[in-house]
Every structure is written in structure tokens, then in C-alpha cells.
């Protein structure tokens, strides 16, 4: 169901230290670190993203796995028809990965929700 989650944090360094420590016994590592964010999870496949609150754009981020690109398109259309706001039309995000096809919506509570297909 979930592909990845994103959390806003007040202190990125403190949160990275915390999540590195608590996730290590579960086999997860700090896999990506950049200005304003960090990704943790299995090596090569981070699925928990931490965003510095000062650089974040809004609430929590949740990405749902989609079975195909048509499902991503339908997710976006259904969200717009039911109170969501566009935060990124369906399309390839090659800056994420060569086959990363996704759409983004802001839900009625301000959360950034995404559907993503890697095929």
C-alpha cells in the first residue's frame, strides 16, 4: 500500500540521529542526506523521508504504490474531483528515478499525498 512516508521535523540533525538509532536494529540505515532532508530505510531504497520544517511545504507526505500509470492518473483525477488540490500533475519524475511516474495532491487537511508507479 505505502511506497514511502515523509515527516516534517523541527531539528533535522536530532531526528536523523534518533531514527538512525531506532531503525538500526530493524536493519535500516541513513541512505540519503541533502540540504533540508534525509531518507532512511533499506540500503538503496529509503522509504522514510525527514524534511527540515523550515524547508517543508506543508503537512505529512504519504506516497501510495500504484499498480500502473493509469492508476496514478485516476488517483489524481479522483482527488481533484473530491476536494484535493493539484500539487503535481501525473508524469515522469526523472530527477527521482528514470521510471518514477507520480502525481501529487494536497488533501483537505494540507497533507501532500502521492501515487507512484515505478514501471
N, C-alpha and C. Protein backbone atom coordinates (compact mmCIF):
# COMPACT_ATOMS: atom_id res chain seq x y z
N UNK A 1 0.82 -1.19 0.00
CA UNK A 1 0.00 0.00 0.00
C UNK A 1 0.86 1.26 0.00
N UNK A 2 1.79 1.38 0.95
CA UNK A 2 2.62 2.57 1.03
C UNK A 2 3.91 2.36 0.26
N UNK A 3 4.35 3.42 -0.38
CA UNK A 3 5.65 3.40 -1.03
C UNK A 3 6.66 4.09 -0.13
N UNK A 4 6.30 5.28 0.38
CA UNK A 4 7.16 5.98 1.33
C UNK A 4 6.36 7.02 2.09
N UNK A 5 6.92 7.46 3.22
CA UNK A 5 6.32 8.48 4.08
C UNK A 5 7.31 9.61 4.28
N UNK A 6 6.79 10.82 4.44
CA UNK A 6 7.64 11.97 4.73
C UNK A 6 7.13 12.70 5.95
N UNK A 7 8.03 13.01 6.87
CA UNK A 7 7.67 13.72 8.10
C UNK A 7 8.42 15.04 8.18
N UNK A 8 7.72 16.08 8.59
CA UNK A 8 8.38 17.34 8.91
C UNK A 8 8.97 17.22 10.31
N UNK A 9 10.17 17.72 10.48
CA UNK A 9 10.83 17.65 11.78
C UNK A 9 11.34 19.03 12.17
N UNK A 10 11.39 19.27 13.47
CA UNK A 10 11.84 20.57 13.97
C UNK A 10 13.35 20.72 13.92
N UNK A 11 14.06 19.61 14.13
CA UNK A 11 15.51 19.63 14.15
C UNK A 11 15.98 18.43 13.35
N UNK A 12 16.40 18.66 12.11
CA UNK A 12 16.76 17.57 11.22
C UNK A 12 17.89 16.72 11.78
N UNK A 13 18.94 17.34 12.29
CA UNK A 13 20.07 16.57 12.82
C UNK A 13 19.65 15.67 13.98
N UNK A 14 18.86 16.20 14.90
CA UNK A 14 18.40 15.40 16.04
C UNK A 14 17.50 14.26 15.57
N UNK A 15 16.64 14.53 14.60
CA UNK A 15 15.74 13.49 14.11
C UNK A 15 16.50 12.41 13.35
N UNK A 16 17.50 12.81 12.58
CA UNK A 16 18.32 11.81 11.88
C UNK A 16 19.01 10.91 12.89
N UNK A 17 19.59 11.50 13.95
CA UNK A 17 20.25 10.69 14.99
C UNK A 17 19.26 9.72 15.62
N UNK A 18 18.05 10.21 15.95
CA UNK A 18 17.03 9.37 16.57
C UNK A 18 16.64 8.22 15.66
N UNK A 19 16.27 8.53 14.42
CA UNK A 19 15.79 7.47 13.52
C UNK A 19 16.90 6.52 13.10
N UNK A 20 18.14 7.01 12.97
CA UNK A 20 19.25 6.09 12.70
C UNK A 20 19.37 5.07 13.83
N UNK A 21 19.27 5.55 15.07
CA UNK A 21 19.42 4.67 16.23
C UNK A 21 18.28 3.67 16.35
N UNK A 22 17.05 4.14 16.23
CA UNK A 22 15.92 3.23 16.46
C UNK A 22 15.69 2.29 15.28
N UNK A 23 16.08 2.69 14.08
CA UNK A 23 15.86 1.83 12.91
C UNK A 23 17.00 0.86 12.64
N UNK A 24 18.19 1.11 13.21
CA UNK A 24 19.33 0.22 13.00
C UNK A 24 19.03 -1.22 13.41
N UNK A 25 18.40 -1.46 14.58
CA UNK A 25 18.10 -2.83 14.95
C UNK A 25 17.12 -3.52 13.99
N UNK A 26 16.42 -2.72 13.19
CA UNK A 26 15.46 -3.27 12.22
C UNK A 26 16.10 -3.44 10.85
N UNK A 27 17.39 -3.12 10.76
CA UNK A 27 18.11 -3.30 9.51
C UNK A 27 18.06 -2.12 8.56
N UNK A 28 17.64 -0.96 9.05
CA UNK A 28 17.53 0.22 8.19
C UNK A 28 18.67 1.19 8.46
N UNK A 29 19.02 1.98 7.44
CA UNK A 29 20.16 2.88 7.52
C UNK A 29 19.79 4.26 6.96
N UNK A 30 20.64 5.23 7.26
CA UNK A 30 20.54 6.53 6.62
C UNK A 30 21.07 6.34 5.20
N UNK A 31 20.21 6.49 4.21
CA UNK A 31 20.57 6.18 2.83
C UNK A 31 20.79 7.43 1.99
N UNK A 32 20.19 8.54 2.39
CA UNK A 32 20.29 9.77 1.61
C UNK A 32 20.26 10.96 2.55
N UNK A 33 21.14 11.92 2.30
CA UNK A 33 21.16 13.13 3.10
C UNK A 33 21.45 14.30 2.17
N UNK A 34 20.65 15.34 2.25
CA UNK A 34 20.82 16.52 1.43
C UNK A 34 20.36 17.72 2.23
N UNK A 35 20.62 18.92 1.74
CA UNK A 35 20.22 20.11 2.48
C UNK A 35 18.70 20.13 2.64
N UNK A 36 18.26 20.08 3.88
CA UNK A 36 16.83 20.14 4.17
C UNK A 36 16.13 18.81 4.27
N UNK A 37 16.85 17.70 4.11
CA UNK A 37 16.16 16.42 4.18
C UNK A 37 17.09 15.23 4.31
N UNK A 38 16.47 14.08 4.62
CA UNK A 38 17.21 12.83 4.75
C UNK A 38 16.25 11.67 4.49
N UNK A 39 16.79 10.58 3.93
CA UNK A 39 16.00 9.39 3.67
C UNK A 39 16.59 8.18 4.37
N UNK A 40 15.73 7.44 5.07
CA UNK A 40 16.17 6.25 5.79
C UNK A 40 15.35 5.04 5.33
N UNK A 41 15.94 3.87 5.47
CA UNK A 41 15.25 2.63 5.12
C UNK A 41 16.25 1.58 4.73
N UNK A 42 15.81 0.59 3.96
CA UNK A 42 16.77 -0.40 3.46
C UNK A 42 17.81 0.29 2.57
N UNK A 43 19.05 -0.22 2.61
CA UNK A 43 20.10 0.34 1.77
C UNK A 43 19.63 0.40 0.32
N UNK A 44 19.70 1.58 -0.29
CA UNK A 44 19.31 1.74 -1.68
C UNK A 44 17.83 1.96 -1.92
N UNK A 45 17.03 1.93 -0.86
CA UNK A 45 15.57 2.09 -1.02
C UNK A 45 14.97 2.83 0.17
N UNK A 46 15.36 4.08 0.40
CA UNK A 46 14.81 4.81 1.54
C UNK A 46 13.30 4.97 1.42
N UNK A 47 12.60 4.78 2.51
CA UNK A 47 11.14 4.88 2.48
C UNK A 47 10.60 5.78 3.58
N UNK A 48 11.45 6.25 4.46
CA UNK A 48 11.07 7.26 5.45
C UNK A 48 11.91 8.50 5.16
N UNK A 49 11.24 9.58 4.81
CA UNK A 49 11.91 10.84 4.49
C UNK A 49 11.63 11.86 5.58
N UNK A 50 12.68 12.51 6.04
CA UNK A 50 12.57 13.56 7.05
C UNK A 50 12.87 14.89 6.38
N UNK A 51 12.00 15.88 6.60
CA UNK A 51 12.15 17.18 5.98
C UNK A 51 12.29 18.25 7.07
N UNK A 52 13.33 19.05 6.95
CA UNK A 52 13.53 20.17 7.86
C UNK A 52 12.30 21.06 7.78
N UNK A 53 11.65 21.31 8.90
CA UNK A 53 10.40 22.07 8.91
C UNK A 53 10.54 23.43 8.25
N UNK A 54 11.70 24.05 8.36
CA UNK A 54 11.91 25.36 7.75
C UNK A 54 11.86 25.28 6.23
N UNK A 55 12.14 24.09 5.66
CA UNK A 55 12.15 23.92 4.22
C UNK A 55 10.93 23.16 3.71
N UNK A 56 10.10 22.68 4.61
CA UNK A 56 8.96 21.87 4.21
C UNK A 56 7.85 22.72 3.61
N UNK A 57 7.03 22.11 2.77
CA UNK A 57 5.96 22.82 2.08
C UNK A 57 4.60 22.62 2.72
N UNK A 58 4.46 21.77 3.68
CA UNK A 58 3.16 21.53 4.27
C UNK A 58 3.15 20.22 5.01
N UNK A 59 2.02 19.79 5.49
CA UNK A 59 1.84 18.61 6.32
C UNK A 59 2.67 17.39 6.00
N UNK A 60 2.20 16.27 6.45
CA UNK A 60 2.85 14.99 6.25
C UNK A 60 2.78 14.60 4.78
N UNK A 61 3.74 13.83 4.33
CA UNK A 61 3.77 13.32 2.95
C UNK A 61 3.59 11.81 2.99
N UNK A 62 2.62 11.30 2.24
CA UNK A 62 2.39 9.87 2.12
C UNK A 62 2.33 9.52 0.64
N UNK A 63 3.10 8.52 0.24
CA UNK A 63 3.08 8.06 -1.15
C UNK A 63 2.52 6.64 -1.20
N UNK A 64 1.52 6.45 -2.03
CA UNK A 64 0.88 5.16 -2.20
C UNK A 64 1.41 4.49 -3.47
N UNK A 65 1.62 3.17 -3.41
CA UNK A 65 2.04 2.42 -4.59
C UNK A 65 0.86 2.26 -5.54
N UNK A 66 1.11 2.49 -6.81
CA UNK A 66 0.08 2.29 -7.84
C UNK A 66 0.50 1.13 -8.73
N UNK A 67 -0.48 0.36 -9.19
CA UNK A 67 -0.17 -0.83 -9.99
C UNK A 67 0.33 -0.48 -11.39
N UNK A 68 -0.10 0.69 -11.90
CA UNK A 68 0.34 1.12 -13.23
C UNK A 68 0.10 2.63 -13.36
N UNK A 69 0.51 3.17 -14.48
CA UNK A 69 0.42 4.62 -14.70
C UNK A 69 -1.03 5.08 -14.81
N UNK A 70 -1.90 4.24 -15.34
CA UNK A 70 -3.32 4.60 -15.42
C UNK A 70 -3.91 4.80 -14.03
N UNK A 71 -3.46 4.00 -13.08
CA UNK A 71 -3.94 4.14 -11.70
C UNK A 71 -3.46 5.48 -11.11
N UNK A 72 -2.24 5.89 -11.44
CA UNK A 72 -1.73 7.19 -10.99
C UNK A 72 -2.61 8.31 -11.55
N UNK A 73 -2.92 8.21 -12.83
CA UNK A 73 -3.78 9.22 -13.48
C UNK A 73 -5.15 9.27 -12.81
N UNK A 74 -5.73 8.09 -12.53
CA UNK A 74 -7.05 8.01 -11.91
C UNK A 74 -7.02 8.56 -10.49
N UNK A 75 -5.97 8.28 -9.74
CA UNK A 75 -5.78 8.82 -8.40
C UNK A 75 -5.85 10.34 -8.43
N UNK A 76 -5.12 10.94 -9.35
CA UNK A 76 -5.05 12.39 -9.44
C UNK A 76 -6.42 12.97 -9.80
N UNK A 77 -7.08 12.39 -10.78
CA UNK A 77 -8.40 12.87 -11.20
C UNK A 77 -9.43 12.75 -10.08
N UNK A 78 -9.41 11.62 -9.38
CA UNK A 78 -10.35 11.41 -8.27
C UNK A 78 -10.09 12.39 -7.14
N UNK A 79 -8.83 12.67 -6.87
CA UNK A 79 -8.51 13.63 -5.82
C UNK A 79 -9.00 15.03 -6.14
N UNK A 80 -8.80 15.46 -7.38
CA UNK A 80 -9.27 16.79 -7.79
C UNK A 80 -10.79 16.88 -7.73
N UNK A 81 -11.46 15.78 -8.06
CA UNK A 81 -12.93 15.76 -8.06
C UNK A 81 -13.52 15.70 -6.66
N UNK A 82 -12.68 15.40 -5.67
CA UNK A 82 -13.19 15.21 -4.31
C UNK A 82 -12.51 16.10 -3.28
N UNK A 83 -12.16 17.31 -3.67
CA UNK A 83 -11.68 18.29 -2.70
C UNK A 83 -10.19 18.44 -2.60
N UNK A 84 -9.41 17.67 -3.35
CA UNK A 84 -7.97 17.82 -3.32
C UNK A 84 -7.51 18.94 -4.22
N UNK A 85 -6.30 19.44 -3.96
CA UNK A 85 -5.69 20.46 -4.81
C UNK A 85 -4.47 19.88 -5.50
N UNK A 86 -4.29 20.26 -6.74
CA UNK A 86 -3.15 19.77 -7.51
C UNK A 86 -1.84 20.20 -6.86
N UNK A 87 -0.91 19.25 -6.74
CA UNK A 87 0.43 19.56 -6.24
C UNK A 87 1.48 18.93 -7.16
N UNK A 88 1.05 18.55 -8.35
CA UNK A 88 1.94 17.93 -9.33
C UNK A 88 1.16 16.96 -10.20
N UNK A 89 0.92 17.35 -11.43
CA UNK A 89 0.14 16.51 -12.36
C UNK A 89 0.85 15.19 -12.63
N UNK A 90 0.10 14.17 -13.05
CA UNK A 90 0.73 12.89 -13.38
C UNK A 90 1.82 13.05 -14.43
N UNK A 91 2.94 12.39 -14.19
CA UNK A 91 4.03 12.44 -15.15
C UNK A 91 5.29 11.82 -14.60
N UNK A 92 6.27 11.66 -15.48
CA UNK A 92 7.57 11.13 -15.07
C UNK A 92 8.31 12.15 -14.22
N UNK A 93 9.00 11.67 -13.22
CA UNK A 93 9.88 12.49 -12.38
C UNK A 93 11.28 11.91 -12.51
N UNK A 94 11.92 12.14 -13.65
CA UNK A 94 13.22 11.52 -13.93
C UNK A 94 14.31 12.01 -12.98
N UNK A 95 14.08 13.16 -12.31
CA UNK A 95 15.05 13.60 -11.32
C UNK A 95 15.02 12.70 -10.08
N UNK A 96 13.91 11.95 -9.88
CA UNK A 96 13.83 10.97 -8.79
C UNK A 96 14.41 9.64 -9.24
N UNK A 97 13.95 9.15 -10.41
CA UNK A 97 14.41 7.89 -11.00
C UNK A 97 13.88 7.85 -12.43
N UNK A 98 14.54 7.13 -13.33
CA UNK A 98 14.16 7.13 -14.73
C UNK A 98 12.71 6.68 -15.01
N UNK A 99 12.16 5.81 -14.16
CA UNK A 99 10.81 5.30 -14.40
C UNK A 99 9.81 5.77 -13.34
N UNK A 100 10.15 6.80 -12.58
CA UNK A 100 9.31 7.28 -11.47
C UNK A 100 8.15 8.09 -12.04
N UNK A 101 6.97 7.48 -12.10
CA UNK A 101 5.76 8.13 -12.62
C UNK A 101 4.86 8.40 -11.43
N UNK A 102 4.52 9.67 -11.20
CA UNK A 102 3.78 10.03 -9.99
C UNK A 102 2.86 11.21 -10.22
N UNK A 103 1.93 11.37 -9.29
CA UNK A 103 1.05 12.53 -9.21
C UNK A 103 0.94 12.91 -7.75
N UNK A 104 0.77 14.21 -7.50
CA UNK A 104 0.73 14.73 -6.15
C UNK A 104 -0.53 15.57 -5.94
N UNK A 105 -1.12 15.45 -4.76
CA UNK A 105 -2.29 16.23 -4.37
C UNK A 105 -2.09 16.76 -2.95
N UNK A 106 -2.73 17.88 -2.66
CA UNK A 106 -2.85 18.35 -1.28
C UNK A 106 -4.25 17.96 -0.83
N UNK A 107 -4.33 17.16 0.23
CA UNK A 107 -5.64 16.72 0.71
C UNK A 107 -6.34 17.85 1.46
N UNK A 108 -7.60 17.67 1.85
CA UNK A 108 -8.33 18.75 2.51
C UNK A 108 -7.69 19.26 3.81
N UNK A 109 -6.78 18.47 4.41
CA UNK A 109 -6.12 18.89 5.65
C UNK A 109 -4.72 19.43 5.42
N UNK A 110 -4.30 19.57 4.17
CA UNK A 110 -2.99 20.13 3.87
C UNK A 110 -1.86 19.14 3.75
N UNK A 111 -2.17 17.85 3.77
CA UNK A 111 -1.14 16.83 3.61
C UNK A 111 -0.83 16.61 2.13
N UNK A 112 0.42 16.32 1.83
CA UNK A 112 0.86 16.06 0.46
C UNK A 112 0.74 14.55 0.23
N UNK A 113 -0.19 14.13 -0.64
CA UNK A 113 -0.38 12.71 -0.93
C UNK A 113 0.03 12.45 -2.38
N UNK A 114 0.61 11.29 -2.60
CA UNK A 114 1.19 10.95 -3.88
C UNK A 114 0.80 9.53 -4.26
N UNK A 115 0.65 9.30 -5.54
CA UNK A 115 0.57 7.93 -6.08
C UNK A 115 1.77 7.78 -6.98
N UNK A 116 2.47 6.63 -6.89
CA UNK A 116 3.68 6.42 -7.65
C UNK A 116 3.73 5.02 -8.24
N UNK A 117 4.19 4.95 -9.47
CA UNK A 117 4.41 3.68 -10.17
C UNK A 117 5.83 3.71 -10.72
N UNK A 118 6.58 2.66 -10.48
CA UNK A 118 7.96 2.61 -10.94
C UNK A 118 8.13 1.83 -12.24
N UNK A 119 7.06 1.30 -12.79
CA UNK A 119 7.14 0.51 -14.04
C UNK A 119 7.14 1.41 -15.24
